[in-house]
């Protein structure tokens, strides 16, 4: 009887030890941001961002709000995105996270609906500075359907594709006199915002 009980306890003990080893290995195999090796290419992130933003445009226009989020790579190499966070008509505060098994790669946001009070077809100076401060790239969708890439390391924005590339606000009207350039750095954006002589 004692031998049977001892054998049972030994089996349970070995099972418990095996479970502890399995759980421990799973825990320590989870990659944290500090030792995460990114495998996704910039082209893949850009294509993912384009799809995310295109899907958000309709809501952004109808509610006249900016929507923003973070694109990340999972430890298995797949791309994911945080749930879009609603802002207001001219801003959106991205909730930054730093979780094991996820590496933040880029921000994304929309520029709400067409509004004559805002120069919505280009990134703002704050857009460039925010991505630079976060240490990542950013992607932007405009009411005219333009798609921008913000190089956070250089604080430079480049238009990936132009008017109508993404879903467009039905109320959007092209201003030929104030058409965006293909690329902006912060000084160029500040010059554009100071020069409000164009009349549309």
N, C-alpha and C. Protein backbone atom coordinates (compact mmCIF):
# COMPACT_ATOMS: atom_id res chain seq x y z
N UNK A 1 0.84 -1.20 0.00
CA UNK A 1 0.00 0.00 0.00
C UNK A 1 0.87 1.25 0.00
N UNK A 2 1.89 1.24 0.91
CA UNK A 2 2.80 2.37 0.99
C UNK A 2 3.57 2.56 -0.31
N UNK A 3 3.95 1.39 -0.93
CA UNK A 3 4.68 1.48 -2.19
C UNK A 3 3.82 2.10 -3.29
N UNK A 4 2.53 1.72 -3.31
CA UNK A 4 1.61 2.27 -4.31
C UNK A 4 1.45 3.77 -4.11
N UNK A 5 1.30 4.17 -2.84
CA UNK A 5 1.14 5.60 -2.54
C UNK A 5 2.40 6.38 -2.92
N UNK A 6 3.55 5.81 -2.62
CA UNK A 6 4.82 6.47 -2.95
C UNK A 6 4.98 6.61 -4.46
N UNK A 7 4.59 5.56 -5.18
CA UNK A 7 4.68 5.60 -6.64
C UNK A 7 3.76 6.68 -7.21
N UNK A 8 2.53 6.76 -6.65
CA UNK A 8 1.57 7.77 -7.10
C UNK A 8 2.10 9.18 -6.85
N UNK A 9 2.64 9.40 -5.65
CA UNK A 9 3.19 10.71 -5.32
C UNK A 9 4.37 11.07 -6.23
N UNK A 10 5.18 10.05 -6.54
CA UNK A 10 6.32 10.28 -7.42
C UNK A 10 5.86 10.68 -8.83
N UNK A 11 4.81 9.98 -9.31
CA UNK A 11 4.28 10.30 -10.65
C UNK A 11 3.73 11.72 -10.68
N UNK A 12 2.93 12.07 -9.63
CA UNK A 12 2.39 13.43 -9.56
C UNK A 12 3.50 14.47 -9.47
N UNK A 13 4.54 14.14 -8.72
CA UNK A 13 5.66 15.06 -8.59
C UNK A 13 6.37 15.28 -9.91
N UNK A 14 6.59 14.19 -10.66
CA UNK A 14 7.24 14.30 -11.96
C UNK A 14 6.37 15.08 -12.96
N UNK A 15 5.05 14.84 -12.88
CA UNK A 15 4.13 15.58 -13.76
C UNK A 15 4.17 17.08 -13.44
N UNK A 16 4.20 17.38 -12.14
CA UNK A 16 4.26 18.78 -11.72
C UNK A 16 5.55 19.43 -12.18
N UNK A 17 6.65 18.70 -12.08
CA UNK A 17 7.94 19.23 -12.51
C UNK A 17 7.95 19.46 -14.03
N UNK A 18 7.39 18.48 -14.77
CA UNK A 18 7.34 18.62 -16.23
C UNK A 18 6.50 19.84 -16.63
N UNK A 19 5.37 20.05 -15.95
CA UNK A 19 4.50 21.20 -16.24
C UNK A 19 5.24 22.51 -15.95
N UNK A 20 5.97 22.53 -14.83
CA UNK A 20 6.72 23.74 -14.48
C UNK A 20 7.77 24.05 -15.54
N UNK A 21 8.43 23.00 -16.05
CA UNK A 21 9.44 23.19 -17.09
C UNK A 21 8.80 23.73 -18.37
N UNK A 22 7.64 23.16 -18.75
CA UNK A 22 6.95 23.60 -19.97
C UNK A 22 6.53 25.06 -19.86
N UNK A 23 5.91 25.42 -18.73
CA UNK A 23 5.45 26.80 -18.52
C UNK A 23 6.64 27.75 -18.48
N UNK A 24 7.70 27.34 -17.78
CA UNK A 24 8.88 28.18 -17.67
C UNK A 24 9.52 28.44 -19.02
N UNK A 25 9.63 27.38 -19.84
CA UNK A 25 10.22 27.55 -21.17
C UNK A 25 9.35 28.44 -22.05
N UNK A 26 8.04 28.27 -21.95
CA UNK A 26 7.14 29.11 -22.74
C UNK A 26 7.27 30.57 -22.34
N UNK A 27 7.39 30.81 -21.02
CA UNK A 27 7.51 32.19 -20.53
C UNK A 27 8.81 32.82 -21.01
N UNK A 28 9.90 32.10 -20.87
CA UNK A 28 11.20 32.69 -21.22
C UNK A 28 11.45 32.73 -22.73
N UNK A 29 10.64 31.99 -23.50
CA UNK A 29 10.77 32.05 -24.96
C UNK A 29 10.01 33.21 -25.57
N UNK A 30 9.16 33.89 -24.78
CA UNK A 30 8.44 35.06 -25.29
C UNK A 30 9.42 36.20 -25.48
N UNK A 31 9.45 36.74 -26.66
CA UNK A 31 10.38 37.82 -26.96
C UNK A 31 9.86 39.13 -26.41
N UNK A 32 10.71 39.85 -25.74
CA UNK A 32 10.37 41.18 -25.29
C UNK A 32 10.90 42.20 -26.28
N UNK A 33 10.44 43.46 -26.19
CA UNK A 33 10.89 44.49 -27.13
C UNK A 33 12.40 44.67 -27.15
N UNK A 34 13.05 44.40 -26.00
CA UNK A 34 14.49 44.66 -25.94
C UNK A 34 15.32 43.65 -26.73
N UNK A 35 14.78 42.42 -26.94
CA UNK A 35 15.56 41.42 -27.68
C UNK A 35 14.81 40.93 -28.91
N UNK A 36 13.91 41.76 -29.39
CA UNK A 36 13.05 41.39 -30.52
C UNK A 36 13.78 41.66 -31.83
N UNK A 37 13.87 40.65 -32.67
CA UNK A 37 14.47 40.81 -33.99
C UNK A 37 13.33 40.94 -35.01
N UNK A 38 13.18 42.12 -35.58
CA UNK A 38 12.10 42.38 -36.53
C UNK A 38 12.40 41.68 -37.86
N UNK A 39 11.41 40.96 -38.37
CA UNK A 39 11.57 40.25 -39.64
C UNK A 39 10.73 40.87 -40.76
N UNK A 40 9.79 41.74 -40.41
CA UNK A 40 8.92 42.36 -41.40
C UNK A 40 9.65 43.46 -42.15
N UNK A 41 9.45 43.55 -43.45
CA UNK A 41 10.08 44.60 -44.25
C UNK A 41 9.25 45.88 -44.19
N UNK A 42 9.87 46.99 -44.55
CA UNK A 42 9.17 48.27 -44.57
C UNK A 42 8.04 48.26 -45.59
N UNK A 43 8.23 47.58 -46.71
CA UNK A 43 7.18 47.47 -47.72
C UNK A 43 5.96 46.73 -47.18
N UNK A 44 6.20 45.70 -46.39
CA UNK A 44 5.10 44.93 -45.79
C UNK A 44 4.34 45.78 -44.78
N UNK A 45 5.07 46.53 -43.97
CA UNK A 45 4.42 47.41 -42.99
C UNK A 45 3.60 48.47 -43.72
N UNK A 46 4.15 49.02 -44.79
CA UNK A 46 3.46 50.05 -45.55
C UNK A 46 2.17 49.52 -46.17
N UNK A 47 2.22 48.33 -46.74
CA UNK A 47 1.02 47.72 -47.33
C UNK A 47 -0.03 47.45 -46.26
N UNK A 48 0.42 47.00 -45.10
CA UNK A 48 -0.50 46.74 -43.98
C UNK A 48 -1.14 48.04 -43.51
N UNK A 49 -0.34 49.09 -43.39
CA UNK A 49 -0.85 50.40 -42.96
C UNK A 49 -1.86 50.94 -43.97
N UNK A 50 -1.58 50.77 -45.23
CA UNK A 50 -2.49 51.25 -46.28
C UNK A 50 -3.86 50.58 -46.15
N UNK A 51 -3.86 49.27 -45.93
CA UNK A 51 -5.12 48.54 -45.78
C UNK A 51 -5.88 48.98 -44.52
N UNK A 52 -5.14 49.18 -43.42
CA UNK A 52 -5.77 49.62 -42.17
C UNK A 52 -6.43 50.98 -42.36
N UNK A 53 -5.70 51.91 -42.95
CA UNK A 53 -6.22 53.27 -43.11
C UNK A 53 -7.38 53.33 -44.10
N UNK A 54 -7.29 52.59 -45.18
CA UNK A 54 -8.37 52.59 -46.16
C UNK A 54 -9.67 52.12 -45.51
N UNK A 55 -9.57 51.14 -44.62
CA UNK A 55 -10.76 50.62 -43.94
C UNK A 55 -11.33 51.61 -42.92
N UNK A 56 -10.51 52.55 -42.44
CA UNK A 56 -10.96 53.50 -41.42
C UNK A 56 -11.52 54.80 -42.00
N UNK A 57 -11.28 55.05 -43.28
CA UNK A 57 -11.64 56.33 -43.87
C UNK A 57 -13.13 56.66 -43.73
N UNK A 58 -14.00 55.72 -44.02
CA UNK A 58 -15.44 55.99 -43.99
C UNK A 58 -15.90 56.45 -42.61
N UNK A 59 -15.45 55.76 -41.56
CA UNK A 59 -15.80 56.15 -40.19
C UNK A 59 -15.22 57.51 -39.85
N UNK A 60 -13.98 57.74 -40.27
CA UNK A 60 -13.31 59.01 -40.00
C UNK A 60 -14.08 60.17 -40.62
N UNK A 61 -14.60 59.99 -41.83
CA UNK A 61 -15.36 61.04 -42.50
C UNK A 61 -16.73 61.24 -41.86
N UNK A 62 -17.43 60.14 -41.62
CA UNK A 62 -18.81 60.25 -41.13
C UNK A 62 -18.88 60.83 -39.73
N UNK A 63 -17.88 60.52 -38.89
CA UNK A 63 -17.85 61.03 -37.52
C UNK A 63 -17.00 62.28 -37.39
N UNK A 64 -16.32 62.65 -38.46
CA UNK A 64 -15.42 63.81 -38.49
C UNK A 64 -14.42 63.77 -37.34
N UNK A 65 -13.72 62.65 -37.23
CA UNK A 65 -12.71 62.47 -36.19
C UNK A 65 -11.47 61.82 -36.80
N UNK A 66 -10.35 62.07 -36.16
CA UNK A 66 -9.15 61.32 -36.49
C UNK A 66 -9.21 59.98 -35.77
N UNK A 67 -8.70 58.95 -36.41
CA UNK A 67 -8.58 57.62 -35.82
C UNK A 67 -7.11 57.23 -35.90
N UNK A 68 -6.58 56.66 -34.83
CA UNK A 68 -5.15 56.37 -34.81
C UNK A 68 -4.86 55.06 -34.10
N UNK A 69 -3.68 54.52 -34.35
CA UNK A 69 -3.27 53.28 -33.71
C UNK A 69 -1.81 52.98 -33.97
N UNK A 70 -1.41 51.80 -33.54
CA UNK A 70 -0.02 51.34 -33.67
C UNK A 70 0.00 50.02 -34.43
N UNK A 71 0.92 49.89 -35.36
CA UNK A 71 1.17 48.63 -36.05
C UNK A 71 2.34 47.95 -35.34
N UNK A 72 2.20 46.65 -35.09
CA UNK A 72 3.26 45.93 -34.38
C UNK A 72 3.52 44.58 -35.04
N UNK A 73 4.68 44.03 -34.74
CA UNK A 73 5.00 42.67 -35.18
C UNK A 73 4.92 41.75 -33.98
N UNK A 74 4.25 40.63 -34.14
CA UNK A 74 4.18 39.62 -33.08
C UNK A 74 5.45 38.77 -33.09
N UNK A 75 5.64 38.00 -32.02
CA UNK A 75 6.86 37.19 -31.91
C UNK A 75 6.94 36.12 -32.99
N UNK A 76 5.78 35.78 -33.61
CA UNK A 76 5.79 34.78 -34.69
C UNK A 76 6.01 35.41 -36.07
N UNK A 77 6.24 36.73 -36.09
CA UNK A 77 6.52 37.41 -37.35
C UNK A 77 5.31 38.01 -38.03
N UNK A 78 4.11 37.78 -37.49
CA UNK A 78 2.90 38.33 -38.10
C UNK A 78 2.70 39.78 -37.70
N UNK A 79 2.09 40.55 -38.59
CA UNK A 79 1.75 41.94 -38.29
C UNK A 79 0.38 42.03 -37.65
N UNK A 80 0.23 42.98 -36.75
CA UNK A 80 -1.05 43.25 -36.11
C UNK A 80 -1.19 44.74 -35.88
N UNK A 81 -2.36 45.15 -35.45
CA UNK A 81 -2.62 46.57 -35.18
C UNK A 81 -3.45 46.71 -33.92
N UNK A 82 -3.18 47.75 -33.16
CA UNK A 82 -4.01 48.04 -32.00
C UNK A 82 -5.38 48.49 -32.47
N UNK A 83 -6.37 48.40 -31.60
CA UNK A 83 -7.71 48.88 -31.95
C UNK A 83 -7.63 50.38 -32.20
N UNK A 84 -8.22 50.85 -33.30
CA UNK A 84 -8.16 52.29 -33.60
C UNK A 84 -8.74 53.12 -32.47
N UNK A 85 -8.01 54.15 -32.08
CA UNK A 85 -8.46 55.03 -31.01
C UNK A 85 -9.07 56.29 -31.61
N UNK A 86 -10.28 56.68 -31.19
CA UNK A 86 -10.88 57.90 -31.73
C UNK A 86 -10.29 59.15 -31.11
N UNK A 87 -10.09 60.17 -31.92
CA UNK A 87 -9.65 61.46 -31.44
C UNK A 87 -10.73 62.49 -31.67
N UNK A 88 -10.34 63.69 -32.09
CA UNK A 88 -11.32 64.70 -32.48
C UNK A 88 -11.05 65.10 -33.93
N UNK A 89 -11.56 66.24 -34.36
CA UNK A 89 -11.43 66.61 -35.77
C UNK A 89 -10.01 67.00 -36.17
N UNK A 90 -9.14 67.24 -35.18
CA UNK A 90 -7.80 67.72 -35.52
C UNK A 90 -6.67 67.04 -34.76
N UNK A 91 -6.97 66.03 -33.96
CA UNK A 91 -5.90 65.37 -33.20
C UNK A 91 -6.34 63.98 -32.76
N UNK A 92 -5.33 63.19 -32.40
CA UNK A 92 -5.59 61.83 -31.90
C UNK A 92 -4.39 61.40 -31.09
N UNK A 93 -4.60 61.06 -29.82
CA UNK A 93 -3.51 60.64 -28.95
C UNK A 93 -3.32 59.14 -28.99
N UNK A 94 -2.22 58.71 -29.57
CA UNK A 94 -1.95 57.28 -29.70
C UNK A 94 -1.56 56.71 -28.35
N UNK A 95 -2.25 55.64 -27.96
CA UNK A 95 -1.92 54.94 -26.71
C UNK A 95 -0.76 54.00 -26.99
N UNK A 96 0.42 54.36 -26.58
CA UNK A 96 1.61 53.55 -26.83
C UNK A 96 1.68 52.41 -25.83
N UNK A 97 2.09 51.26 -26.29
CA UNK A 97 2.19 50.10 -25.41
C UNK A 97 3.55 49.45 -25.61
N UNK A 98 3.95 48.65 -24.64
CA UNK A 98 5.24 47.97 -24.70
C UNK A 98 5.05 46.62 -24.02
N UNK A 99 4.53 45.65 -24.77
CA UNK A 99 4.18 44.36 -24.20
C UNK A 99 5.10 43.26 -24.71
N UNK A 100 5.34 42.23 -23.89
CA UNK A 100 6.15 41.09 -24.35
C UNK A 100 5.52 40.44 -25.57
N UNK A 101 6.35 40.06 -26.52
CA UNK A 101 5.86 39.38 -27.70
C UNK A 101 5.33 40.28 -28.78
N UNK A 102 5.42 41.60 -28.59
CA UNK A 102 4.96 42.54 -29.61
C UNK A 102 5.98 43.66 -29.76
N UNK A 103 6.36 43.97 -30.98
CA UNK A 103 7.30 45.05 -31.25
C UNK A 103 6.60 46.14 -32.04
N UNK A 104 6.36 47.32 -31.43
CA UNK A 104 5.75 48.43 -32.17
C UNK A 104 6.64 48.85 -33.34
N UNK A 105 6.03 49.02 -34.51
CA UNK A 105 6.78 49.36 -35.72
C UNK A 105 6.43 50.72 -36.30
N UNK A 106 5.15 51.09 -36.24
CA UNK A 106 4.72 52.34 -36.88
C UNK A 106 3.39 52.80 -36.32
N UNK A 107 3.17 54.10 -36.40
CA UNK A 107 1.86 54.65 -36.05
C UNK A 107 1.04 54.81 -37.34
N UNK A 108 -0.27 54.94 -37.18
CA UNK A 108 -1.12 55.27 -38.33
C UNK A 108 -2.27 56.15 -37.85
N UNK A 109 -2.68 57.10 -38.69
CA UNK A 109 -3.84 57.91 -38.34
C UNK A 109 -4.48 58.54 -39.57
N UNK A 110 -5.75 58.87 -39.41
CA UNK A 110 -6.50 59.56 -40.46
C UNK A 110 -6.53 61.05 -40.15
N UNK A 111 -6.99 61.84 -41.12
CA UNK A 111 -7.11 63.28 -40.92
C UNK A 111 -8.56 63.76 -40.94
N UNK A 112 -9.48 62.91 -40.50
CA UNK A 112 -10.89 63.28 -40.37
C UNK A 112 -11.48 63.71 -41.71
N UNK A 113 -12.58 64.48 -41.64
CA UNK A 113 -13.30 64.89 -42.85
C UNK A 113 -12.72 66.17 -43.44
N UNK A 114 -13.11 66.46 -44.67
CA UNK A 114 -12.70 67.70 -45.32
C UNK A 114 -13.12 68.90 -44.47
N UNK A 115 -12.17 69.81 -44.23
CA UNK A 115 -12.45 70.98 -43.40
C UNK A 115 -11.55 72.12 -43.87
N UNK A 116 -12.15 73.22 -44.26
CA UNK A 116 -11.38 74.35 -44.80
C UNK A 116 -10.46 74.99 -43.76
N UNK A 117 -10.72 74.71 -42.48
CA UNK A 117 -9.88 75.31 -41.43
C UNK A 117 -8.53 74.61 -41.28
N UNK A 118 -8.40 73.42 -41.85
CA UNK A 118 -7.17 72.65 -41.68
C UNK A 118 -6.54 72.32 -43.03
N UNK A 119 -5.22 72.27 -43.04
CA UNK A 119 -4.47 71.86 -44.22
C UNK A 119 -4.32 70.34 -44.15
N UNK A 120 -5.42 69.64 -44.39
CA UNK A 120 -5.50 68.21 -44.09
C UNK A 120 -4.82 67.30 -45.09
N UNK A 121 -4.42 67.83 -46.25
CA UNK A 121 -3.86 66.97 -47.29
C UNK A 121 -2.36 66.70 -47.13
N UNK A 122 -1.77 67.27 -46.10
CA UNK A 122 -0.36 67.01 -45.80
C UNK A 122 -0.23 66.68 -44.30
N UNK A 123 0.83 65.99 -43.91
CA UNK A 123 1.06 65.78 -42.48
C UNK A 123 1.33 67.12 -41.80
N UNK A 124 1.07 67.19 -40.53
CA UNK A 124 1.38 68.39 -39.76
C UNK A 124 2.80 68.29 -39.20
N UNK A 125 3.32 69.41 -38.74
CA UNK A 125 4.62 69.41 -38.06
C UNK A 125 4.56 68.50 -36.84
N UNK A 126 3.43 68.55 -36.13
CA UNK A 126 3.26 67.70 -34.95
C UNK A 126 3.28 66.22 -35.33
N UNK A 127 2.71 65.87 -36.49
CA UNK A 127 2.75 64.48 -36.95
C UNK A 127 4.19 63.99 -37.07
N UNK A 128 5.03 64.81 -37.71
CA UNK A 128 6.43 64.41 -37.90
C UNK A 128 7.17 64.33 -36.58
N UNK A 129 6.96 65.32 -35.73
CA UNK A 129 7.67 65.34 -34.45
C UNK A 129 7.21 64.22 -33.52
N UNK A 130 5.94 63.89 -33.57
CA UNK A 130 5.41 62.83 -32.71
C UNK A 130 6.02 61.48 -33.08
N UNK A 131 6.06 61.17 -34.38
CA UNK A 131 6.65 59.89 -34.80
C UNK A 131 8.14 59.85 -34.50
N UNK A 132 8.80 60.97 -34.66
CA UNK A 132 10.22 61.04 -34.33
C UNK A 132 10.44 60.77 -32.84
N UNK A 133 9.58 61.36 -32.00
CA UNK A 133 9.70 61.17 -30.55
C UNK A 133 9.42 59.72 -30.15
N UNK A 134 8.49 59.07 -30.87
CA UNK A 134 8.18 57.67 -30.58
C UNK A 134 9.26 56.72 -31.10
N UNK A 135 10.13 57.23 -31.98
CA UNK A 135 11.19 56.40 -32.53
C UNK A 135 10.69 55.41 -33.57
N UNK A 136 9.66 55.79 -34.32
CA UNK A 136 9.11 54.90 -35.33
C UNK A 136 8.58 55.70 -36.52
N UNK A 137 8.25 54.99 -37.59
CA UNK A 137 7.64 55.63 -38.75
C UNK A 137 6.16 55.85 -38.50
N UNK A 138 5.53 56.62 -39.39
CA UNK A 138 4.10 56.85 -39.29
C UNK A 138 3.46 56.82 -40.66
N UNK A 139 2.16 56.57 -40.68
CA UNK A 139 1.40 56.56 -41.93
C UNK A 139 0.14 57.38 -41.75
N UNK A 140 -0.23 58.11 -42.80
CA UNK A 140 -1.35 59.05 -42.73
C UNK A 140 -2.26 58.91 -43.94
N UNK A 141 -3.57 58.98 -43.68
CA UNK A 141 -4.58 59.05 -44.74
C UNK A 141 -5.26 60.41 -44.67
N UNK A 142 -5.48 61.03 -45.82
CA UNK A 142 -6.08 62.36 -45.86
C UNK A 142 -7.51 62.29 -46.42
N UNK A 143 -8.30 63.35 -46.24
CA UNK A 143 -9.66 63.37 -46.80
C UNK A 143 -9.69 63.18 -48.32
N UNK A 144 -8.64 63.65 -48.99
CA UNK A 144 -8.56 63.49 -50.44
C UNK A 144 -8.12 62.11 -50.88
N UNK A 145 -7.84 61.23 -49.92
CA UNK A 145 -7.42 59.87 -50.24
C UNK A 145 -5.94 59.73 -50.50
N UNK A 146 -5.15 60.71 -50.08
CA UNK A 146 -3.70 60.60 -50.21
C UNK A 146 -3.14 59.73 -49.08
N UNK A 147 -2.04 59.05 -49.38
CA UNK A 147 -1.41 58.14 -48.42
C UNK A 147 0.04 58.58 -48.23
N UNK A 148 0.38 58.93 -46.99
CA UNK A 148 1.71 59.46 -46.66
C UNK A 148 2.49 58.50 -45.76
N UNK A 149 3.80 58.46 -46.00
CA UNK A 149 4.72 57.76 -45.10
C UNK A 149 5.58 58.81 -44.41
N UNK A 150 5.65 58.73 -43.09
CA UNK A 150 6.49 59.63 -42.30
C UNK A 150 7.71 58.85 -41.82
N UNK A 151 8.87 59.25 -42.28
CA UNK A 151 10.13 58.64 -41.84
C UNK A 151 10.51 59.29 -40.52
N UNK A 152 10.23 58.59 -39.42
CA UNK A 152 10.45 59.16 -38.10
C UNK A 152 11.90 59.48 -37.79
N UNK A 153 12.82 58.71 -38.34
CA UNK A 153 14.24 58.94 -38.05
C UNK A 153 14.76 60.21 -38.72
N UNK A 154 14.19 60.57 -39.87
CA UNK A 154 14.64 61.75 -40.62
C UNK A 154 13.70 62.94 -40.48
N UNK A 155 12.53 62.72 -39.89
CA UNK A 155 11.49 63.75 -39.81
C UNK A 155 11.16 64.29 -41.20
N UNK A 156 10.90 63.34 -42.10
CA UNK A 156 10.54 63.66 -43.48
C UNK A 156 9.29 62.87 -43.85
N UNK A 157 8.34 63.53 -44.53
CA UNK A 157 7.13 62.87 -45.00
C UNK A 157 7.16 62.74 -46.51
N UNK A 158 6.82 61.57 -47.02
CA UNK A 158 6.77 61.33 -48.46
C UNK A 158 5.39 60.82 -48.85
N UNK A 159 4.83 61.37 -49.92
CA UNK A 159 3.54 60.91 -50.41
C UNK A 159 3.75 59.59 -51.15
N UNK A 160 3.15 58.53 -50.64
CA UNK A 160 3.28 57.22 -51.27
C UNK A 160 2.41 57.16 -52.53
N UNK A 161 1.19 57.65 -52.41
CA UNK A 161 0.30 57.73 -53.57
C UNK A 161 -0.68 58.88 -53.37
N UNK A 162 -1.14 59.43 -54.48
CA UNK A 162 -1.86 60.69 -54.43
C UNK A 162 -3.36 60.61 -54.28
N UNK A 163 -4.00 61.67 -54.69
CA UNK A 163 -5.44 61.86 -54.55
C UNK A 163 -6.22 60.64 -55.05
N UNK A 164 -7.14 60.13 -54.21
CA UNK A 164 -7.96 59.00 -54.58
C UNK A 164 -7.30 57.65 -54.42
N UNK A 165 -6.08 57.63 -53.91
CA UNK A 165 -5.36 56.37 -53.67
C UNK A 165 -6.08 55.54 -52.59
N UNK A 166 -6.59 56.22 -51.56
CA UNK A 166 -7.40 55.61 -50.52
C UNK A 166 -8.83 56.14 -50.65
N UNK A 167 -9.74 55.58 -49.87
CA UNK A 167 -11.12 56.06 -49.87
C UNK A 167 -11.14 57.57 -49.63
N UNK A 168 -12.00 58.26 -50.35
CA UNK A 168 -12.01 59.72 -50.36
C UNK A 168 -13.31 60.26 -49.74
N UNK A 169 -13.18 61.37 -49.00
CA UNK A 169 -14.35 62.04 -48.44
C UNK A 169 -15.25 62.53 -49.59
N UNK A 170 -16.55 62.19 -49.57
CA UNK A 170 -17.45 62.66 -50.63
C UNK A 170 -17.48 64.18 -50.76
N UNK A 171 -17.15 64.89 -49.67
CA UNK A 171 -17.16 66.36 -49.69
C UNK A 171 -15.81 66.96 -50.07
N UNK A 172 -14.85 66.12 -50.39
CA UNK A 172 -13.52 66.62 -50.73
C UNK A 172 -13.55 67.41 -52.04
N UNK A 173 -12.84 68.54 -52.03
CA UNK A 173 -12.68 69.35 -53.24
C UNK A 173 -11.20 69.66 -53.43
N UNK A 174 -10.71 69.41 -54.62
CA UNK A 174 -9.30 69.66 -54.92
C UNK A 174 -9.02 71.15 -54.99
N UNK A 175 -7.93 71.57 -54.34
CA UNK A 175 -7.47 72.96 -54.43
C UNK A 175 -6.19 72.97 -55.27
N UNK A 176 -6.32 73.28 -56.53
CA UNK A 176 -5.17 73.25 -57.45
C UNK A 176 -4.07 74.22 -57.00
N UNK A 177 -4.47 75.36 -56.45
CA UNK A 177 -3.50 76.38 -56.06
C UNK A 177 -2.71 75.97 -54.82
N UNK A 178 -3.19 74.96 -54.11
CA UNK A 178 -2.54 74.57 -52.86
C UNK A 178 -2.25 73.08 -52.84
N UNK A 179 -2.00 72.52 -54.02
CA UNK A 179 -1.74 71.09 -54.13
C UNK A 179 -0.46 70.72 -53.38
N UNK A 180 -0.45 69.58 -52.68
CA UNK A 180 0.72 69.19 -51.91
C UNK A 180 1.92 68.82 -52.79
N UNK A 181 3.11 69.06 -52.27
CA UNK A 181 4.33 68.54 -52.88
C UNK A 181 4.42 67.05 -52.55
N UNK A 182 5.38 66.38 -53.16
CA UNK A 182 5.55 64.94 -52.92
C UNK A 182 6.30 64.65 -51.63
N UNK A 183 7.03 65.63 -51.10
CA UNK A 183 7.85 65.40 -49.91
C UNK A 183 7.95 66.68 -49.09
N UNK A 184 7.95 66.50 -47.77
CA UNK A 184 8.10 67.64 -46.86
C UNK A 184 9.00 67.25 -45.69
N UNK A 185 9.86 68.19 -45.29
CA UNK A 185 10.49 68.11 -43.98
C UNK A 185 9.82 69.19 -43.12
N UNK A 186 10.26 69.34 -41.89
CA UNK A 186 9.59 70.29 -40.99
C UNK A 186 9.70 71.73 -41.47
N UNK A 187 10.88 72.21 -41.90
CA UNK A 187 10.94 73.59 -42.41
C UNK A 187 10.01 73.83 -43.60
N UNK A 188 9.92 72.86 -44.51
CA UNK A 188 9.05 73.01 -45.67
C UNK A 188 7.58 73.06 -45.27
N UNK A 189 7.20 72.25 -44.28
CA UNK A 189 5.82 72.29 -43.79
C UNK A 189 5.51 73.62 -43.13
N UNK A 190 6.46 74.13 -42.35
CA UNK A 190 6.24 75.41 -41.68
C UNK A 190 6.09 76.54 -42.70
N UNK A 191 6.86 76.48 -43.78
CA UNK A 191 6.72 77.47 -44.86
C UNK A 191 5.35 77.36 -45.53
N UNK A 192 4.89 76.13 -45.73
CA UNK A 192 3.58 75.92 -46.34
C UNK A 192 2.47 76.49 -45.45
N UNK A 193 2.57 76.24 -44.15
CA UNK A 193 1.52 76.70 -43.23
C UNK A 193 1.53 78.23 -43.09
N UNK A 194 2.72 78.83 -43.24
CA UNK A 194 2.80 80.29 -43.17
C UNK A 194 2.24 80.95 -44.43
N UNK A 195 2.39 80.27 -45.55
CA UNK A 195 1.94 80.82 -46.83
C UNK A 195 0.48 80.42 -47.08
N UNK A 196 -0.43 81.25 -46.61
CA UNK A 196 -1.85 80.96 -46.79
C UNK A 196 -2.48 81.86 -47.85
N UNK A 197 -1.65 82.22 -48.84
CA UNK A 197 -2.12 83.15 -49.87
C UNK A 197 -3.04 82.48 -50.89
N UNK A 198 -2.97 81.13 -50.96
CA UNK A 198 -3.80 80.43 -51.94
C UNK A 198 -5.27 80.56 -51.58
N UNK A 199 -6.08 80.82 -52.59
CA UNK A 199 -7.52 80.99 -52.38
C UNK A 199 -8.26 79.91 -53.15
N UNK A 200 -8.97 79.05 -52.41
CA UNK A 200 -9.71 77.96 -53.06
C UNK A 200 -11.20 78.10 -52.76
